[in-house]
Amino acid sequence: MLELVGLDKRFGEKVVLDDLSLTIRPGQMFGFVGTNGAGKTTTMRIALGVLTPDAGEIRWQGRPVDRSMRRRWGYMPEERGLYPKMRIADQLVYLAELHGMTRAEARASATRWLERLQVSGEPGDRLETLSLGNQQRVQLAAALVHEPELLVLDEPFSGLDPVGVDVMAGVLRDRVAHGAAVVFSSHQLELVESLCDAVGIIKDGRMHAAGTVAELRGDSRAVRYRVVVEGAPADWAKDLPGSTVLSADADAVLVELVEGASEQALLDAARAAGRVLSFAPATPSLAELFREAVNGTEVGA
């Protein structure tokens, strides 16, 4: 289990992390989301030992992290860091040996991961001869080649085509199924929602909310309904007590009711306005929860 406890980090006068804490368990895929500059990459670099926090602690399996523990982790930076003129297999073997594998183990693992990730090209090709998407697959292979217990991935899906996304998602699911802990940042919130067991939303260097998407939705005291009314005035739901119109598109409106407001009153108003074609609860997506967080409201509120 990876625990980040009370992390603070400043660069000059700029506060980048402010008492940030999160926990990632073995066999869990954790999505780390936030706007650009929110502190995601800084958090990952501190966990990996690239940066030193001004305050706080990083623990692995209940103990303070040291170099020997980090050798059992894998890291994929957002700014890809492999050697473009080095041959693909040679650098994977080199990196695996740095993590403690023998030469034979490293070669076998490099071959296995290049095949598993469906990297185009030959192991003896120079990295720079591959497409950017295939270079990204090799970068993931570099994070996986030593069979890590923890994977830390910064924007791993950026720039991948749909097939590449499917391949990478399958690999991450497999690692989790084998007991590894996986944490990745991404702006592709639909992917985060579909893949992750838990999500953390970071804002201004603080953990704004964390938990499963269902738990984040459960924090809401409001209930949303998507209502489709044929032939109704555009503003039919505008002034209903205890309700807020979140969006309106043609005949469909998304209405949020505060705690205790009557959905029957909403339905009655819809019937009075026109022919009701649909009336159903609307579960907020992670993207909607995220927008609420960064816009300054409580998640789910």
Protein backbone atom coordinates (compact mmCIF):
# COMPACT_ATOMS: atom_id res chain seq x y z
CA MET A 1 0.00 0.00 0.00
CA LEU A 2 1.30 3.43 -0.99
CA GLU A 3 0.51 6.25 1.43
CA LEU A 4 1.24 9.91 0.80
CA VAL A 5 0.71 11.76 4.05
CA GLY A 6 0.49 15.53 4.48
CA LEU A 7 2.69 16.50 1.52
CA ASP A 8 3.65 20.17 1.20
CA LYS A 9 5.73 21.60 -1.63
CA ARG A 10 6.58 25.16 -2.61
CA PHE A 11 8.59 26.55 -5.50
CA GLY A 12 9.56 29.98 -4.25
CA GLU A 13 6.35 31.73 -3.23
CA LYS A 14 4.15 29.36 -5.20
CA VAL A 15 2.36 26.68 -3.15
CA VAL A 16 2.21 23.56 -5.32
CA LEU A 17 1.07 20.99 -2.74
CA ASP A 18 -0.79 21.85 0.44
CA ASP A 19 -1.20 19.03 2.99
CA LEU A 20 -2.00 16.48 0.28
CA SER A 21 -2.72 12.90 1.35
CA LEU A 22 -3.85 9.83 -0.55
CA THR A 23 -3.72 6.04 -0.26
CA ILE A 24 -3.40 3.47 -3.07
CA ARG A 25 -3.88 -0.18 -2.24
CA PRO A 26 -2.46 -3.32 -3.91
CA GLY A 27 -4.78 -4.59 -6.61
CA GLN A 28 -6.29 -1.12 -7.06
CA MET A 29 -6.28 1.21 -10.06
CA PHE A 30 -6.34 4.81 -8.88
CA GLY A 31 -7.07 7.72 -11.21
CA PHE A 32 -5.49 11.06 -10.35
CA VAL A 33 -7.24 13.99 -12.04
CA GLY A 34 -6.95 17.76 -11.91
CA THR A 35 -6.43 20.80 -14.09
CA ASN A 36 -3.02 21.67 -15.52
CA GLY A 37 -0.83 22.92 -12.69
CA ALA A 38 -2.98 21.38 -9.95
CA GLY A 39 -0.03 19.36 -8.57
CA LYS A 40 -0.43 15.89 -10.11
CA THR A 41 3.04 15.57 -11.63
CA THR A 42 4.72 17.10 -8.59
CA THR A 43 2.97 14.53 -6.38
CA MET A 44 4.18 11.68 -8.58
CA ARG A 45 7.74 13.00 -8.69
CA ILE A 46 7.81 13.25 -4.91
CA ALA A 47 6.53 9.68 -4.57
CA LEU A 48 9.29 8.51 -6.94
CA GLY A 49 11.99 10.45 -5.10
CA VAL A 50 12.67 12.83 -8.00
CA LEU A 51 11.59 15.76 -5.80
CA THR A 52 11.77 16.19 -2.05
CA PRO A 53 8.70 17.45 -0.18
CA ASP A 54 8.95 20.38 2.18
CA ALA A 55 6.83 18.40 4.64
CA GLY A 56 5.03 15.09 4.75
CA GLU A 57 5.88 11.44 4.36
CA ILE A 58 5.72 8.68 1.75
CA ARG A 59 5.14 5.14 3.05
CA TRP A 60 5.08 1.78 1.28
CA GLN A 61 3.61 -1.23 3.07
CA GLY A 62 3.50 0.84 6.24
CA ARG A 63 7.18 1.85 6.22
CA PRO A 64 9.01 4.99 5.06
CA VAL A 65 10.10 4.59 1.46
CA ASP A 66 13.76 3.93 0.67
CA ARG A 67 15.70 3.25 -2.53
CA SER A 68 15.32 -0.54 -2.34
CA MET A 69 11.52 -0.15 -2.26
CA ARG A 70 11.50 2.21 -5.23
CA ARG A 71 13.45 -0.36 -7.27
CA ARG A 72 10.26 -2.43 -7.20
CA TRP A 73 8.19 0.40 -8.68
CA GLY A 74 7.65 1.40 -12.30
CA TYR A 75 7.33 4.97 -13.58
CA MET A 76 6.14 6.38 -16.89
CA PRO A 77 6.71 10.16 -17.04
CA GLU A 78 4.54 12.48 -19.11
CA GLU A 79 7.64 13.76 -20.89
CA ARG A 80 8.93 10.52 -22.35
CA GLY A 81 12.45 9.77 -21.16
CA LEU A 82 13.93 6.95 -23.27
CA TYR A 83 17.01 7.24 -25.47
CA PRO A 84 15.89 7.84 -29.08
CA LYS A 85 19.07 6.54 -30.74
CA MET A 86 19.40 3.43 -28.53
CA ARG A 87 18.01 0.12 -29.74
CA ILE A 88 14.63 -0.79 -28.23
CA ALA A 89 15.51 -4.11 -26.62
CA ASP A 90 18.92 -2.92 -25.39
CA GLN A 91 17.47 -0.08 -23.35
CA LEU A 92 14.71 -2.25 -21.88
CA VAL A 93 17.33 -4.80 -20.82
CA TYR A 94 19.50 -2.01 -19.39
CA LEU A 95 16.63 -0.59 -17.36
CA ALA A 96 15.57 -4.02 -16.09
CA GLU A 97 19.12 -4.70 -14.90
CA LEU A 98 19.13 -1.39 -13.05
CA HIS A 99 16.10 -2.71 -11.15
CA GLY A 100 17.97 -5.89 -10.16
CA MET A 101 17.18 -8.41 -12.90
CA THR A 102 19.84 -10.69 -14.35
CA ARG A 103 20.72 -10.26 -18.02
CA ALA A 104 18.79 -13.41 -18.98
CA GLU A 105 15.72 -12.36 -16.96
CA ALA A 106 15.86 -8.89 -18.46
CA ARG A 107 16.03 -10.13 -22.06
CA ALA A 108 13.15 -12.56 -21.55
CA SER A 109 11.02 -9.86 -19.90
CA ALA A 110 11.81 -7.28 -22.60
CA THR A 111 10.76 -9.71 -25.34
CA ARG A 112 7.57 -10.60 -23.48
CA TRP A 113 6.49 -7.00 -22.95
CA LEU A 114 7.27 -5.86 -26.49
CA GLU A 115 5.01 -8.66 -27.72
CA ARG A 116 2.32 -8.03 -25.10
CA LEU A 117 2.17 -4.32 -25.96
CA GLN A 118 2.14 -5.09 -29.70
CA VAL A 119 5.04 -2.77 -30.47
CA SER A 120 5.61 -2.41 -34.21
CA GLY A 121 9.20 -2.79 -35.36
CA GLU A 122 12.03 -5.10 -34.42
CA PRO A 123 13.71 -5.23 -31.00
CA GLY A 124 16.95 -4.16 -32.68
CA ASP A 125 15.43 -1.01 -34.20
CA ARG A 126 16.35 2.39 -32.83
CA LEU A 127 13.55 3.97 -30.83
CA GLU A 128 13.48 7.09 -33.02
CA THR A 129 12.42 5.02 -36.04
CA LEU A 130 9.07 4.16 -34.41
CA SER A 131 5.87 6.20 -34.54
CA LEU A 132 5.09 8.31 -31.48
CA GLY A 133 2.37 5.86 -30.43
CA ASN A 134 4.77 2.93 -30.59
CA GLN A 135 7.40 4.92 -28.71
CA GLN A 136 4.80 5.38 -26.01
CA ARG A 137 4.20 1.62 -25.86
CA VAL A 138 7.94 1.10 -25.44
CA GLN A 139 7.89 3.67 -22.62
CA LEU A 140 5.24 1.60 -20.86
CA ALA A 141 7.31 -1.53 -21.46
CA ALA A 142 10.19 0.26 -19.72
CA ALA A 143 7.96 0.84 -16.69
CA LEU A 144 6.83 -2.80 -16.67
CA VAL A 145 9.95 -4.72 -17.67
CA HIS A 146 11.05 -5.44 -14.08
CA GLU A 147 7.56 -6.62 -13.01
CA PRO A 148 6.91 -3.78 -10.51
CA GLU A 149 4.63 -3.92 -7.49
CA LEU A 150 3.53 -0.31 -8.07
CA LEU A 151 3.02 1.51 -11.36
CA VAL A 152 3.01 5.31 -11.44
CA LEU A 153 1.97 6.64 -14.86
CA ASP A 154 1.72 10.29 -15.87
CA GLU A 155 -0.73 10.75 -18.78
CA PRO A 156 -0.14 7.23 -20.19
CA PHE A 157 -2.94 7.43 -22.79
CA SER A 158 -1.93 10.77 -24.29
CA GLY A 159 -1.50 10.52 -28.06
CA LEU A 160 -2.59 6.89 -28.39
CA ASP A 161 -5.04 5.77 -31.06
CA PRO A 162 -8.09 3.72 -29.95
CA VAL A 163 -6.27 0.42 -30.50
CA GLY A 164 -3.33 1.64 -28.42
CA VAL A 165 -5.70 2.76 -25.67
CA ASP A 166 -7.30 -0.68 -25.61
CA VAL A 167 -3.92 -2.42 -25.44
CA MET A 168 -2.67 -0.22 -22.63
CA ALA A 169 -5.94 -0.48 -20.70
CA GLY A 170 -5.80 -4.26 -20.96
CA VAL A 171 -2.26 -4.34 -19.64
CA LEU A 172 -3.13 -2.12 -16.67
CA ARG A 173 -6.15 -4.27 -15.81
CA ASP A 174 -3.92 -7.35 -15.95
CA ARG A 175 -1.37 -5.79 -13.60
CA VAL A 176 -4.10 -4.94 -11.11
CA ALA A 177 -5.52 -8.47 -11.38
CA HIS A 178 -2.06 -9.77 -10.43
CA GLY A 179 -2.01 -7.61 -7.31
CA ALA A 180 -0.05 -4.55 -8.42
CA ALA A 181 -1.11 -1.05 -7.40
CA VAL A 182 -1.57 1.32 -10.34
CA VAL A 183 -1.94 5.09 -10.17
CA PHE A 184 -2.19 7.21 -13.28
CA SER A 185 -3.07 10.79 -14.14
CA SER A 186 -5.16 11.61 -17.17
CA HIS A 187 -7.34 14.33 -18.67
CA GLN A 188 -9.36 11.61 -20.43
CA LEU A 189 -11.99 11.37 -17.72
CA GLU A 190 -14.15 8.80 -19.49
CA LEU A 191 -11.17 6.43 -19.41
CA VAL A 192 -10.51 7.16 -15.74
CA GLU A 193 -14.15 6.47 -14.91
CA SER A 194 -14.26 3.19 -16.83
CA LEU A 195 -10.91 1.84 -15.61
CA CYS A 196 -10.37 3.00 -12.06
CA ASP A 197 -11.47 1.51 -8.76
CA ALA A 198 -10.90 4.86 -7.06
CA VAL A 199 -10.37 8.46 -8.13
CA GLY A 200 -8.74 11.49 -6.54
CA ILE A 201 -9.59 15.02 -7.66
CA ILE A 202 -6.79 17.47 -6.89
CA LYS A 203 -7.35 21.21 -6.88
CA ASP A 204 -4.79 23.91 -6.06
CA GLY A 205 -2.46 21.34 -4.53
CA ARG A 206 -5.05 19.85 -2.18
CA MET A 207 -7.02 16.63 -2.44
CA HIS A 208 -10.50 17.97 -3.08
CA ALA A 209 -12.23 14.57 -3.04
CA ALA A 210 -11.23 10.91 -3.20
CA GLY A 211 -13.06 7.60 -3.40
CA THR A 212 -14.93 5.52 -5.94
CA VAL A 213 -16.99 7.43 -8.48
CA ALA A 214 -20.06 5.97 -6.80
CA GLU A 215 -18.89 7.34 -3.44
CA LEU A 216 -18.29 10.78 -4.93
CA ARG A 217 -21.78 10.71 -6.37
CA GLY A 218 -23.12 9.51 -3.03
CA ASP A 219 -21.79 12.63 -1.33
CA SER A 220 -24.50 14.57 -3.13
CA ARG A 221 -27.61 15.65 -1.27
CA ALA A 222 -29.15 16.69 -4.57
CA VAL A 223 -30.80 14.47 -7.16
CA ARG A 224 -30.74 15.09 -10.89
CA TYR A 225 -33.41 14.25 -13.45
CA ARG A 226 -33.21 14.35 -17.21
CA VAL A 227 -36.62 15.29 -18.56
CA VAL A 228 -37.69 15.31 -22.21
CA VAL A 229 -40.90 17.24 -22.86
CA GLU A 230 -42.25 17.61 -26.38
CA GLY A 231 -43.69 21.01 -27.26
CA ALA A 232 -42.80 22.69 -23.96
CA PRO A 233 -41.60 26.30 -23.61
CA ALA A 234 -37.82 26.46 -23.34
CA ASP A 235 -37.97 27.85 -19.77
CA TRP A 236 -40.72 25.62 -18.37
CA ALA A 237 -38.54 24.37 -15.48
CA LYS A 238 -36.78 27.65 -14.75
CA ASP A 239 -38.61 28.80 -11.62
CA LEU A 240 -39.66 25.53 -9.94
CA PRO A 241 -39.11 25.62 -6.15
CA GLY A 242 -36.10 23.65 -4.96
CA SER A 243 -34.75 23.06 -8.46
CA THR A 244 -31.97 24.30 -10.71
CA VAL A 245 -31.81 23.82 -14.47
CA LEU A 246 -28.27 22.64 -15.20
CA SER A 247 -28.62 22.34 -18.95
CA ALA A 248 -31.22 22.53 -21.69
CA ASP A 249 -30.92 20.98 -25.14
CA ALA A 250 -33.92 21.08 -27.50
CA ASP A 251 -36.72 19.31 -25.62
CA ALA A 252 -34.42 17.85 -22.94
CA VAL A 253 -33.52 19.54 -19.67
CA LEU A 254 -31.28 18.43 -16.83
CA VAL A 255 -32.75 19.53 -13.51
CA GLU A 256 -31.18 19.24 -10.07
CA LEU A 257 -33.45 19.02 -7.00
CA VAL A 258 -32.20 19.97 -3.57
CA GLU A 259 -32.62 17.54 -0.70
CA GLY A 260 -36.29 17.22 0.19
CA ALA A 261 -37.63 18.69 -3.04
CA SER A 262 -40.38 16.66 -4.70
CA GLU A 263 -39.69 14.87 -7.95
CA GLN A 264 -43.47 14.52 -8.30
CA ALA A 265 -43.79 18.30 -8.43
CA LEU A 266 -41.18 18.32 -11.20
CA LEU A 267 -43.08 15.62 -13.07
CA ASP A 268 -46.38 17.50 -12.64
CA ALA A 269 -44.76 20.65 -14.04
CA ALA A 270 -43.38 18.70 -16.99
CA ARG A 271 -46.83 17.26 -17.75
CA ALA A 272 -48.35 20.71 -17.57
CA ALA A 273 -45.75 22.05 -19.99
CA GLY A 274 -46.18 19.43 -22.72
CA ARG A 275 -46.00 15.75 -23.62
CA VAL A 276 -43.46 13.95 -21.37
CA LEU A 277 -41.34 11.59 -23.46
CA SER A 278 -38.79 10.72 -20.78
CA PHE A 279 -38.35 11.31 -17.05
CA ALA A 280 -35.41 9.57 -15.37
CA PRO A 281 -32.72 10.10 -12.72
CA ALA A 282 -29.45 11.32 -14.23
CA THR A 283 -26.27 10.03 -12.63
CA PRO A 284 -23.44 12.60 -12.87
CA SER A 285 -20.38 11.45 -14.76
CA LEU A 286 -16.85 11.88 -13.47
CA ALA A 287 -16.44 14.73 -15.96
CA GLU A 288 -19.41 16.53 -14.38
CA LEU A 289 -18.08 15.92 -10.87
CA PHE A 290 -14.69 17.21 -11.96
CA ARG A 291 -16.14 20.40 -13.46
CA GLU A 292 -18.01 21.08 -10.23
CA ALA A 293 -14.84 20.59 -8.23
CA VAL A 294 -12.68 22.93 -10.30
CA ASN A 295 -15.47 25.51 -10.51
CA GLY A 296 -15.42 25.87 -6.76
CA THR A 297 -18.53 23.96 -5.67
CA GLU A 298 -18.59 20.87 -3.52
CA VAL A 299 -18.31 17.65 -5.46
CA GLY A 300 -21.79 16.41 -6.23
CA ALA A 301 -23.42 19.52 -4.76
